[in-house]
Protein backbone atom coordinates (compact mmCIF):
# COMPACT_ATOMS: atom_id res chain seq x y z
CA UNK A 1 121.43 98.38 -33.09
CA UNK A 2 118.67 98.82 -35.71
CA UNK A 3 116.07 98.99 -32.96
CA UNK A 4 118.05 101.69 -31.15
CA UNK A 5 118.35 103.79 -34.33
CA UNK A 6 114.64 103.39 -35.10
CA UNK A 7 113.74 104.41 -31.55
CA UNK A 8 115.93 107.51 -31.77
CA UNK A 9 114.40 108.51 -35.10
CA UNK A 10 110.88 108.03 -33.75
CA UNK A 11 111.71 110.14 -30.71
CA UNK A 12 113.20 112.84 -32.93
CA UNK A 13 109.94 113.21 -34.81
CA UNK A 14 108.21 114.22 -31.59
CA UNK A 15 111.08 116.27 -30.25
CA UNK A 16 111.21 118.35 -33.46
CA UNK A 17 107.63 118.39 -34.82
CA UNK A 18 108.26 121.31 -37.19
CA UNK A 19 110.55 119.56 -39.67
CA UNK A 20 112.77 121.91 -41.67
CA UNK A 21 113.21 122.14 -45.43
CA UNK A 22 115.74 124.18 -47.38
CA UNK A 23 114.58 127.04 -49.60
CA UNK A 24 116.61 129.61 -51.52
CA UNK A 25 115.72 133.32 -51.65
CA UNK A 26 117.36 136.21 -53.48
CA UNK A 27 117.93 139.21 -51.19
CA UNK A 28 117.79 142.87 -52.26
CA UNK A 29 121.59 143.02 -52.70
CA UNK A 30 121.35 140.32 -55.38
CA UNK A 31 122.82 137.52 -53.27
CA UNK A 32 121.04 134.19 -52.92
CA UNK A 33 120.90 132.42 -49.58
CA UNK A 34 119.51 129.09 -48.52
CA UNK A 35 117.44 128.87 -45.32
CA UNK A 36 116.21 125.89 -43.36
CA UNK A 37 112.59 126.84 -42.67
CA UNK A 38 109.73 124.87 -41.10
CA UNK A 39 108.16 122.70 -43.77
CA UNK A 40 104.90 124.65 -43.57
CA UNK A 41 106.72 127.96 -44.22
CA UNK A 42 108.74 126.32 -46.99
CA UNK A 43 105.42 125.44 -48.66
CA UNK A 44 104.48 129.12 -48.49
CA UNK A 45 107.82 130.13 -50.05
CA UNK A 46 107.34 127.60 -52.84
CA UNK A 47 103.99 129.15 -53.74
CA UNK A 48 104.72 132.85 -53.17
CA UNK A 49 108.46 133.09 -53.82
CA UNK A 50 108.31 135.98 -56.31
CA UNK A 51 105.97 137.99 -54.07
CA UNK A 52 108.20 137.36 -51.03
CA UNK A 53 111.31 138.46 -52.88
CA UNK A 54 109.46 141.57 -54.03
CA UNK A 55 108.59 142.36 -50.41
CA UNK A 56 112.20 141.79 -49.37
CA UNK A 57 113.28 144.35 -51.97
CA UNK A 58 110.53 146.77 -50.98
CA UNK A 59 111.66 146.67 -47.35
CA UNK A 60 115.38 146.59 -48.25
CA UNK A 61 115.84 143.53 -46.03
CA UNK A 62 119.42 142.67 -45.10
CA UNK A 63 120.83 139.18 -44.67
CA UNK A 64 120.96 139.69 -40.89
CA UNK A 65 117.26 140.63 -40.79
CA UNK A 66 116.31 137.63 -42.92
CA UNK A 67 118.43 135.33 -40.75
CA UNK A 68 116.65 136.63 -37.64
CA UNK A 69 113.20 136.11 -39.19
CA UNK A 70 114.10 132.55 -40.26
CA UNK A 71 115.40 131.70 -36.77
CA UNK A 72 112.27 133.12 -35.09
CA UNK A 73 110.02 131.14 -37.41
CA UNK A 74 111.83 127.90 -36.58
CA UNK A 75 111.59 128.64 -32.87
CA UNK A 76 107.88 129.57 -32.99
CA UNK A 77 106.95 126.54 -35.09
CA UNK A 78 108.76 124.17 -32.73
CA UNK A 79 106.14 124.86 -30.06
CA UNK A 80 102.83 125.02 -31.92
CA UNK A 81 101.98 121.35 -32.44
CA UNK A 82 100.77 120.95 -28.85
CA UNK A 83 98.47 124.01 -29.00
CA UNK A 84 97.18 123.67 -32.58
CA UNK A 85 97.29 119.92 -33.05
CA UNK A 86 99.44 120.48 -36.16
CA UNK A 87 102.78 122.04 -37.08
CA UNK A 88 101.45 122.85 -40.58
CA UNK A 89 98.73 125.47 -39.94
CA UNK A 90 98.95 127.06 -43.40
CA UNK A 91 98.90 123.74 -45.24
CA UNK A 92 96.10 122.29 -43.10
CA UNK A 93 93.99 125.45 -43.51
CA UNK A 94 94.52 125.52 -47.26
CA UNK A 95 93.71 121.81 -47.70
CA UNK A 96 90.65 122.20 -45.47
CA UNK A 97 89.29 125.04 -47.61
CA UNK A 98 89.97 123.09 -50.82
CA UNK A 99 88.19 120.03 -49.40
CA UNK A 100 85.27 122.11 -48.16
CA UNK A 101 84.96 123.66 -51.62
CA UNK A 102 84.39 120.12 -52.97
CA UNK A 103 81.81 119.50 -50.24
CA UNK A 104 79.97 122.70 -51.17
CA UNK A 105 79.91 121.71 -54.84
CA UNK A 106 78.31 118.37 -53.97
CA UNK A 107 75.85 119.75 -51.40
CA UNK A 108 74.58 122.68 -53.48
CA UNK A 109 73.41 120.52 -56.39
CA UNK A 110 71.73 118.14 -53.96
CA UNK A 111 69.93 121.07 -52.33
CA UNK A 112 68.72 122.01 -55.83
CA UNK A 113 67.19 118.57 -56.35
CA UNK A 114 65.01 119.16 -53.25
CA UNK A 115 63.32 122.11 -54.95
CA UNK A 116 60.11 121.94 -56.98
CA UNK A 117 59.38 118.32 -56.00
CA UNK A 118 55.81 117.30 -56.82
CA UNK A 119 54.52 113.83 -56.03
CA UNK A 120 52.17 113.82 -59.02
CA UNK A 121 54.23 112.81 -62.05
CA UNK A 122 51.93 114.98 -64.19
CA UNK A 123 49.36 117.40 -62.81
CA UNK A 124 47.03 117.48 -65.86
CA UNK A 125 45.82 120.18 -68.25
CA UNK A 126 45.76 123.87 -67.47
CA UNK A 127 43.65 124.62 -70.57
CA UNK A 128 40.95 122.26 -71.85
CA UNK A 129 38.72 123.32 -74.73
CA UNK A 130 36.05 121.29 -76.45
CA UNK A 131 35.87 118.37 -74.08
CA UNK A 132 33.37 119.69 -71.56
CA UNK A 133 35.94 120.11 -68.79
CA UNK A 134 36.86 123.49 -67.35
CA UNK A 135 38.95 122.60 -64.29
CA UNK A 136 42.40 124.17 -64.72
CA UNK A 137 45.25 122.15 -63.24
CA UNK A 138 47.88 124.23 -61.48
CA UNK A 139 49.46 124.60 -58.07
CA UNK A 140 51.67 126.83 -55.97
CA UNK A 141 53.12 126.76 -52.51
CA UNK A 142 56.16 126.56 -50.25
CA UNK A 143 58.87 123.95 -50.08
CA UNK A 144 61.44 123.41 -47.33
CA UNK A 145 64.33 121.05 -48.04
CA UNK A 146 67.84 120.19 -46.94
CA UNK A 147 70.92 118.31 -48.14
CA UNK A 148 73.80 116.93 -46.09
CA UNK A 149 76.67 119.39 -45.53
CA UNK A 150 79.90 118.00 -44.06
CA UNK A 151 81.61 120.73 -42.00
CA UNK A 152 84.63 118.67 -40.92
CA UNK A 153 87.02 120.14 -43.58
CA UNK A 154 86.02 123.66 -42.53
CA UNK A 155 86.51 122.78 -38.87
CA UNK A 156 90.07 121.63 -39.69
CA UNK A 157 90.75 125.08 -41.10
CA UNK A 158 89.32 126.70 -37.99
CA UNK A 159 91.45 124.44 -35.79
CA UNK A 160 94.58 125.42 -37.75
CA UNK A 161 93.74 129.10 -37.19
CA UNK A 162 92.87 128.54 -33.52
CA UNK A 163 89.25 129.64 -34.12
CA UNK A 164 86.81 128.55 -31.41
CA UNK A 165 83.70 127.05 -33.04
CA UNK A 166 82.00 126.05 -29.80
CA UNK A 167 79.38 123.33 -30.22
CA UNK A 168 79.16 123.59 -34.00
CA UNK A 169 78.44 120.04 -35.24
CA UNK A 170 80.50 118.21 -37.82
CA UNK A 171 77.51 117.80 -40.16
CA UNK A 172 74.77 120.27 -40.98
CA UNK A 173 71.88 120.34 -43.41
CA UNK A 174 72.14 122.89 -46.25
CA UNK A 175 68.58 124.26 -46.28
CA UNK A 176 66.30 125.42 -49.06
CA UNK A 177 63.22 127.59 -48.54
CA UNK A 178 61.44 127.74 -51.86
CA UNK A 179 58.37 129.26 -53.46
CA UNK A 180 57.29 127.16 -56.42
CA UNK A 181 54.45 126.97 -58.92
CA UNK A 182 53.42 124.48 -61.59
CA UNK A 183 51.11 124.88 -64.60
CA UNK A 184 49.50 122.04 -66.53
CA UNK A 185 49.37 121.36 -70.27
CA UNK A 186 46.94 122.07 -73.09
CA UNK A 187 44.12 120.05 -74.65
CA UNK A 188 42.01 121.44 -77.52
CA UNK A 189 39.52 118.96 -78.90
CA UNK A 190 41.53 115.94 -80.00
CA UNK A 191 44.82 117.84 -79.82
CA UNK A 192 46.71 117.16 -76.60
CA UNK A 193 49.97 118.33 -75.07
CA UNK A 194 50.20 116.46 -71.75
CA UNK A 195 53.02 118.48 -70.20
CA UNK A 196 53.45 120.63 -67.12
CA UNK A 197 55.96 123.34 -66.35
CA UNK A 198 57.33 124.33 -62.96
CA UNK A 199 59.11 127.40 -61.59
CA UNK A 200 60.97 127.89 -58.35
CA UNK A 201 62.77 130.71 -56.55
CA UNK A 202 64.41 130.59 -53.16
CA UNK A 203 66.79 132.37 -50.82
CA UNK A 204 68.27 131.96 -47.38
CA UNK A 205 70.44 134.07 -45.09
CA UNK A 206 71.37 132.58 -41.73
CA UNK A 207 72.05 136.02 -40.25
CA UNK A 208 68.44 137.01 -40.96
CA UNK A 209 66.97 133.74 -39.72
CA UNK A 210 68.13 134.08 -36.10
CA UNK A 211 70.79 131.38 -36.45
CA UNK A 212 73.86 133.47 -35.57
CA UNK A 213 74.21 132.18 -32.03
CA UNK A 214 73.70 128.54 -33.04
CA UNK A 215 76.16 128.61 -35.96
CA UNK A 216 78.72 131.10 -34.62
CA UNK A 217 81.27 131.85 -36.05
CA UNK A 218 79.81 130.42 -39.31
CA UNK A 219 77.18 132.11 -41.47
CA UNK A 220 75.83 131.26 -44.91
CA UNK A 221 73.49 132.58 -47.57
CA UNK A 222 72.28 131.63 -51.05
CA UNK A 223 69.87 132.53 -53.85
CA UNK A 224 68.45 130.01 -56.30
CA UNK A 225 66.15 130.08 -59.30
CA UNK A 226 65.11 127.40 -61.75
CA UNK A 227 62.42 125.48 -63.51
CA UNK A 228 61.53 122.28 -65.31
CA UNK A 229 59.32 120.84 -68.02
CA UNK A 230 57.75 117.38 -67.74
CA UNK A 231 55.91 115.38 -70.43
CA UNK A 232 53.52 112.56 -69.57
CA UNK A 233 54.42 109.51 -71.67
CA UNK A 234 52.08 107.03 -69.98
CA UNK A 235 48.88 107.27 -67.95
CA UNK A 236 46.16 104.95 -66.77
CA UNK A 237 42.86 105.84 -65.11
CA UNK A 238 43.48 103.00 -62.62
CA UNK A 239 44.98 104.60 -59.47
CA UNK A 240 45.80 107.66 -61.62
CA UNK A 241 49.01 105.91 -62.67
CA UNK A 242 51.34 108.29 -64.50
CA UNK A 243 54.86 108.26 -65.91
CA UNK A 244 56.62 111.40 -67.10
CA UNK A 245 60.02 112.41 -68.39
CA UNK A 246 61.46 115.88 -68.37
CA UNK A 247 64.33 118.28 -67.97
CA UNK A 248 65.11 121.25 -65.77
CA UNK A 249 67.71 123.90 -65.05
CA UNK A 250 68.66 125.41 -61.68
CA UNK A 251 71.11 128.18 -60.83
CA UNK A 252 72.37 128.88 -57.31
CA UNK A 253 74.85 131.35 -55.88
CA UNK A 254 75.80 132.03 -52.28
CA UNK A 255 78.52 131.73 -49.68
CA UNK A 256 79.70 130.24 -46.41
CA UNK A 257 81.74 132.55 -44.18
CA UNK A 258 83.71 132.34 -40.92
CA UNK A 259 84.55 135.50 -39.00
CA UNK A 260 86.87 135.50 -35.98
CA UNK A 261 89.66 137.53 -34.41
CA UNK A 262 92.33 135.11 -35.63
CA UNK A 263 91.15 135.05 -39.27
CA UNK A 264 88.28 135.38 -41.68
CA UNK A 265 87.65 132.53 -44.10
CA UNK A 266 84.92 131.62 -46.51
CA UNK A 267 83.71 130.36 -49.84
CA UNK A 268 81.58 132.01 -52.53
CA UNK A 269 79.95 129.55 -54.91
CA UNK A 270 77.98 129.39 -58.15
CA UNK A 271 76.30 126.27 -59.49
CA UNK A 272 74.49 125.54 -62.75
CA UNK A 273 72.57 122.29 -62.77
CA UNK A 274 70.97 120.76 -65.88
CA UNK A 275 68.73 117.90 -64.81
CA UNK A 276 67.03 115.03 -66.67
CA UNK A 277 64.11 113.40 -64.85
CA UNK A 278 61.88 110.35 -65.01
CA UNK A 279 59.06 109.98 -62.47
CA UNK A 280 56.21 107.58 -61.79
CA UNK A 281 53.28 108.10 -59.42
CA UNK A 282 49.95 106.58 -58.46
CA UNK A 283 47.08 107.55 -56.16
CA UNK A 284 45.17 105.54 -53.58
CA UNK A 285 42.32 107.63 -52.17
CA UNK A 286 44.16 110.73 -50.90
CA UNK A 287 47.59 109.04 -50.69
CA UNK A 288 49.99 109.46 -53.64
CA UNK A 289 53.40 107.69 -53.59
CA UNK A 290 56.06 108.43 -56.21
CA UNK A 291 59.56 107.42 -57.28
CA UNK A 292 61.94 109.33 -59.53
CA UNK A 293 65.37 109.13 -61.11
CA UNK A 294 67.37 112.30 -61.68
CA UNK A 295 70.50 112.73 -63.78
CA UNK A 296 72.24 115.95 -62.78
CA UNK A 297 74.92 117.55 -64.98
CA UNK A 298 76.52 120.14 -62.74
CA UNK A 299 79.02 122.87 -63.52
CA UNK A 300 80.11 124.71 -60.39
CA UNK A 301 82.73 127.14 -59.19
CA UNK A 302 83.86 127.92 -55.64
CA UNK A 303 86.14 130.84 -54.79
CA UNK A 304 87.57 130.36 -51.30
CA UNK A 305 89.63 132.78 -49.25
CA UNK A 306 91.45 133.30 -45.96
CA UNK A 307 91.90 136.93 -44.91
CA UNK A 308 93.17 139.07 -42.06
CA UNK A 309 95.12 136.14 -40.59
CA UNK A 310 96.53 137.06 -37.18
CA UNK A 311 99.70 134.96 -37.13
CA UNK A 312 100.98 136.47 -33.88
CA UNK A 313 97.85 135.16 -32.14
CA UNK A 314 97.92 131.78 -33.93
CA UNK A 315 101.61 131.21 -33.11
CA UNK A 316 101.26 132.92 -29.74
CA UNK A 317 104.36 134.93 -30.59
CA UNK A 318 104.58 138.69 -31.12
CA UNK A 319 108.36 138.95 -31.33
CA UNK A 320 109.95 141.30 -33.84
CA UNK A 321 111.17 138.32 -35.86
CA UNK A 322 107.60 136.99 -36.36
CA UNK A 323 106.34 140.51 -37.09
CA UNK A 324 109.03 140.85 -39.75
CA UNK A 325 108.25 137.40 -41.17
CA UNK A 326 104.67 138.57 -41.68
CA UNK A 327 105.93 141.82 -43.23
CA UNK A 328 108.15 139.89 -45.64
CA UNK A 329 105.26 137.59 -46.70
CA UNK A 330 106.76 134.45 -45.14
CA UNK A 331 103.47 134.19 -43.23
CA UNK A 332 100.76 135.48 -45.63
CA UNK A 333 97.83 137.32 -44.08
CA UNK A 334 95.65 136.63 -47.14
CA UNK A 335 95.47 133.75 -49.59
CA UNK A 336 92.80 132.33 -51.88
CA UNK A 337 92.05 129.85 -54.66
CA UNK A 338 89.28 128.59 -56.96
CA UNK A 339 87.85 125.09 -57.27
CA UNK A 340 85.63 124.49 -60.29
CA UNK A 341 84.60 121.87 -62.81
CA UNK A 342 81.88 119.61 -64.16
CA UNK A 343 80.40 116.56 -62.43
CA UNK A 344 77.68 114.00 -63.16
CA UNK A 345 75.32 112.98 -60.34
CA UNK A 346 72.83 110.09 -60.59
CA UNK A 347 70.14 110.56 -57.94
CA UNK A 348 67.20 108.48 -56.78
CA UNK A 349 64.27 110.27 -55.17
CA UNK A 350 60.98 109.15 -53.74
CA UNK A 351 58.26 109.95 -51.29
CA UNK A 352 54.54 110.50 -50.98
CA UNK A 353 51.89 113.17 -50.77
CA UNK A 354 48.58 113.58 -49.05
CA UNK A 355 46.08 115.20 -51.45
CA UNK A 356 43.41 116.69 -49.22
CA UNK A 357 40.83 118.55 -51.35
CA UNK A 358 42.95 121.47 -52.67
CA UNK A 359 45.91 121.06 -50.30
CA UNK A 360 48.93 118.88 -51.06
CA UNK A 361 51.37 117.86 -48.35
CA UNK A 362 54.45 116.28 -49.95
CA UNK A 363 57.32 114.45 -48.23
CA UNK A 364 60.39 113.33 -50.19
CA UNK A 365 63.92 112.01 -49.75
CA UNK A 366 66.86 111.64 -52.14
CA UNK A 367 70.25 109.96 -52.40
CA UNK A 368 73.15 110.93 -54.66
CA UNK A 369 75.12 107.83 -55.72
CA UNK A 370 78.13 109.86 -56.89
CA UNK A 371 78.73 111.69 -53.60
CA UNK A 372 76.75 109.69 -51.01
CA UNK A 373 74.89 112.90 -50.11
CA UNK A 374 71.32 112.47 -48.93
CA UNK A 375 68.58 115.04 -48.63
CA UNK A 376 64.89 115.55 -48.03
CA UNK A 377 62.07 118.04 -48.46
CA UNK A 378 58.59 118.92 -47.30
CA UNK A 379 56.09 121.11 -49.14
CA UNK A 380 52.64 122.50 -48.61
CA UNK A 381 50.75 123.71 -51.67
CA UNK A 382 47.40 124.83 -52.99
CA UNK A 383 46.71 122.56 -55.96
CA UNK A 384 43.89 121.94 -58.44
């Protein structure tokens, strides 16, 4: 008997994928009524109850009209699991955007750590007076880097909204294209300040880089600026062995956006990254390997949104009941939220450079132990 009951319950889950949950709403005439709505819609009512009741009053909705909308919602939701892969499109979309906001927070700071990477732990003195040396040590050039960006939470949102993302992969690299410069320290007679200071500025817009067709319907952009100060605490003439410690600050803002007929969705982010560094390097002929440890203290904020949601297309239902449900706010066409906070990221970084006369070619890779995000960078610079 127990087996028969269990079998019937299991079958019922598939026969009625849009499970119902009771919610109570106050209608314009002051009466309160309880409705059995699909669980996904009940979640919406829980979050937007006051707004929904305000819309009911604004449209002077009768009990009969509300009954019809509730019945149409239950009917429409009973058929969507096979076409969407879920009977909770709102909940899945919202959770996907929240999860992708966390991904963005982790990827942005790891794209920042790819910027301004120099293999030489200390580049030397910019100003030298009284020691017979006049060579100023400085450098400038271009850096291209990337950090892992997991798109799977965003793709879940697009699936829930029936947005076709074609061959868009589940993982991308968040790129950085950076101009950077570094200036050496000061030595006057016996007085020495063995530091160097670096600056970086970067920006990227996928729509201006010819990536629209490859990333469609996704686009992204960002702007970043920052700098760091390093102090050489140990150096040996043998193999130009150097050890430095330092600190830096990087600020990035940008966004990731999805545009489609069914809905528009996206995230706008800001990230402030205070970084403590320790780096060691050596040089063998023109080959310079290095290893570094970075402690990143990151404060970030991501504002995500879903707008212009076409529920009649998503549910494949344009009946008057569904149209009214949208009008009443039972199916919101816009919703948004913010994910923010502080996080600590220990990162290991290493690589090598080829110093060829006045040209440096630097290759580096990094790994974030807190988020398991990896990244890499390549730079070409003029350097003295």
